[in-house]
C-alpha atoms as a PDB file:
ATOM      1  CA  MET A   1      19.304  22.993 -36.879  1.00  0.00           C
ATOM      2  CA  LYS A   2      18.646  20.029 -34.598  1.00  0.00           C
ATOM      3  CA  ASN A   3      15.646  19.938 -32.302  1.00  0.00           C
ATOM      4  CA  LYS A   4      16.573  20.042 -28.664  1.00  0.00           C
ATOM      5  CA  VAL A   5      14.523  17.839 -26.404  1.00  0.00           C
ATOM      6  CA  SER A   6      14.210  19.011 -22.856  1.00  0.00           C
ATOM      7  CA  THR A   7      14.299  16.339 -20.172  1.00  0.00           C
ATOM      8  CA  ILE A   8      12.996  16.702 -16.672  1.00  0.00           C
ATOM      9  CA  ASN A   9      15.688  16.591 -14.068  1.00  0.00           C
ATOM     10  CA  SER A  10      15.231  13.564 -11.809  1.00  0.00           C
ATOM     11  CA  SER A  11      15.595  15.715  -8.696  1.00  0.00           C
ATOM     12  CA  PHE A  12      12.655  17.783  -9.908  1.00  0.00           C
ATOM     13  CA  HIS A  13      10.580  14.614 -10.282  1.00  0.00           C
ATOM     14  CA  HIS A  14      11.506  13.414  -6.783  1.00  0.00           C
ATOM     15  CA  SER A  15      10.640  16.759  -5.211  1.00  0.00           C
ATOM     16  CA  LEU A  16       7.381  17.187  -7.129  1.00  0.00           C
ATOM     17  CA  ILE A  17       5.690  14.113  -5.664  1.00  0.00           C
ATOM     18  CA  PRO A  18       6.214  15.002  -1.977  1.00  0.00           C
ATOM     19  CA  PHE A  19       5.229  18.599  -2.700  1.00  0.00           C
ATOM     20  CA  SER A  20       1.980  17.576  -4.370  1.00  0.00           C
ATOM     21  CA  SER A  21       1.234  15.051  -1.612  1.00  0.00           C
ATOM     22  CA  SER A  22       1.792  17.608   1.130  1.00  0.00           C
ATOM     23  CA  SER A  23      -0.340  20.141  -0.729  1.00  0.00           C
ATOM     24  CA  VAL A  24      -3.225  17.699  -0.939  1.00  0.00           C
ATOM     25  CA  LEU A  25      -2.907  16.803   2.737  1.00  0.00           C
ATOM     26  CA  LYS A  26      -2.858  20.459   3.766  1.00  0.00           C
ATOM     27  CA  TRP A  27      -5.876  21.227   1.607  1.00  0.00           C
ATOM     28  CA  ASP A  28      -7.755  18.257   3.065  1.00  0.00           C
ATOM     29  CA  ARG A  29      -6.759  19.174   6.626  1.00  0.00           C
ATOM     30  CA  ASP A  30      -7.904  22.763   6.127  1.00  0.00           C
ATOM     31  CA  ASN A  31     -11.280  21.593   4.837  1.00  0.00           C
ATOM     32  CA  VAL A  32     -11.747  19.181   7.716  1.00  0.00           C
ATOM     33  CA  MET A  33     -10.835  21.826  10.282  1.00  0.00           C
ATOM     34  CA  LYS A  34     -13.657  24.033   8.989  1.00  0.00           C
ATOM     35  CA  MET A  35     -16.233  21.416   9.974  1.00  0.00           C
ATOM     36  CA  PRO A  36     -17.614  21.395  13.518  1.00  0.00           C
ATOM     37  CA  ALA A  37     -15.957  18.789  15.726  1.00  0.00           C
ATOM     38  CA  ASP A  38     -19.068  16.700  16.371  1.00  0.00           C
ATOM     39  CA  VAL A  39     -20.040  16.578  12.699  1.00  0.00           C
ATOM     40  CA  ASN A  40     -16.437  15.809  11.794  1.00  0.00           C
ATOM     41  CA  SER A  41     -16.269  12.832  14.180  1.00  0.00           C
ATOM     42  CA  LYS A  42     -19.596  11.422  12.938  1.00  0.00           C
ATOM     43  CA  VAL A  43     -18.483  11.736   9.320  1.00  0.00           C
ATOM     44  CA  LEU A  44     -15.166  10.103  10.161  1.00  0.00           C
ATOM     45  CA  GLU A  45     -16.875   7.230  11.979  1.00  0.00           C
ATOM     46  CA  LYS A  46     -19.236   6.572   9.081  1.00  0.00           C
ATOM     47  CA  THR A  47     -16.455   6.859   6.523  1.00  0.00           C
ATOM     48  CA  LEU A  48     -14.177   4.460   8.373  1.00  0.00           C
ATOM     49  CA  TYR A  49     -17.035   2.042   8.984  1.00  0.00           C
ATOM     50  CA  LYS A  50     -17.694   1.944   5.247  1.00  0.00           C
ATOM     51  CA  ARG A  51     -14.044   1.793   4.144  1.00  0.00           C
ATOM     52  CA  LEU A  52     -12.463  -0.690   6.564  1.00  0.00           C
ATOM     53  CA  PRO A  53     -14.132  -3.951   5.439  1.00  0.00           C
ATOM     54  CA  ILE A  54     -12.571  -3.930   1.966  1.00  0.00           C
ATOM     55  CA  PRO A  55      -8.907  -3.596   3.083  1.00  0.00           C
ATOM     56  CA  SER A  56      -9.660  -6.034   5.889  1.00  0.00           C
ATOM     57  CA  ASN A  57     -10.817  -8.604   3.331  1.00  0.00           C
ATOM     58  CA  HIS A  58      -7.658  -8.030   1.292  1.00  0.00           C
ATOM     59  CA  PHE A  59      -5.484  -8.615   4.367  1.00  0.00           C
ATOM     60  CA  ALA A  60      -7.419 -11.806   5.129  1.00  0.00           C
ATOM     61  CA  ASP A  61      -6.818 -12.979   1.547  1.00  0.00           C
ATOM     62  CA  MET A  62      -3.114 -12.165   1.899  1.00  0.00           C
ATOM     63  CA  ARG A  63      -2.945 -14.157   5.150  1.00  0.00           C
ATOM     64  CA  ARG A  64      -4.556 -17.191   3.518  1.00  0.00           C
ATOM     65  CA  GLY A  65      -2.228 -16.888   0.525  1.00  0.00           C
ATOM     66  CA  LEU A  66       0.839 -16.586   2.738  1.00  0.00           C
ATOM     67  CA  ASP A  67      -0.275 -19.572   4.800  1.00  0.00           C
ATOM     68  CA  ARG A  68      -0.611 -21.620   1.620  1.00  0.00           C
ATOM     69  CA  ALA A  69       2.779 -20.392   0.325  1.00  0.00           C
ATOM     70  CA  VAL A  70       4.552 -21.243   3.591  1.00  0.00           C
ATOM     71  CA  GLY A  71       2.913 -24.667   3.647  1.00  0.00           C
ATOM     72  CA  ALA A  72       3.946 -25.368   0.047  1.00  0.00           C
ATOM     73  CA  TYR A  73       7.498 -24.190   0.759  1.00  0.00           C
ATOM     74  CA  ASN A  74       7.775 -26.433   3.812  1.00  0.00           C
ATOM     75  CA  ARG A  75       6.450 -29.431   1.863  1.00  0.00           C
ATOM     76  CA  ALA A  76       8.916 -28.757  -0.970  1.00  0.00           C
ATOM     77  CA  VAL A  77      11.888 -28.462   1.388  1.00  0.00           C
ATOM     78  CA  GLY A  78      10.812 -31.577   3.266  1.00  0.00           C
ATOM     79  CA  SER A  79      10.461 -33.530   0.040  1.00  0.00           C
ATOM     80  CA  PHE A  80      13.847 -32.293  -1.189  1.00  0.00           C
ATOM     81  CA  GLU A  81      15.519 -33.317   2.078  1.00  0.00           C
ATOM     82  CA  GLU A  82      13.852 -36.762   2.103  1.00  0.00           C
ATOM     83  CA  ARG A  83      14.323 -37.650  -1.555  1.00  0.00           C
ATOM     84  CA  VAL A  84      17.381 -35.766  -2.841  1.00  0.00           C
ATOM     85  CA  LEU A  85      19.717 -35.104   0.055  1.00  0.00           C
ATOM     86  CA  VAL A  86      19.464 -38.678   1.321  1.00  0.00           C
ATOM     87  CA  SER A  87      21.011 -40.006  -1.890  1.00  0.00           C
ATOM     88  CA  ALA A  88      23.627 -37.266  -2.180  1.00  0.00           C
END
């Protein structure tokens, strides 16, 4: 007798992720709603103040990297046009 291996249906996989995400969001929303409004806003302010600098630094790094990439691309295209297309 051969062993049968059960595979997960791809539609199950695609529906499991949104379900778990929405469950987490609902649980988090319910917990936040239990807190008094003034305490909730203070906690949110402190949390955002602590969390925003790191993504902000990553976006600044991305901007510098993109600026360098665009500059290198423009130099490469300019060089190609000046040195290769002229002789073609």
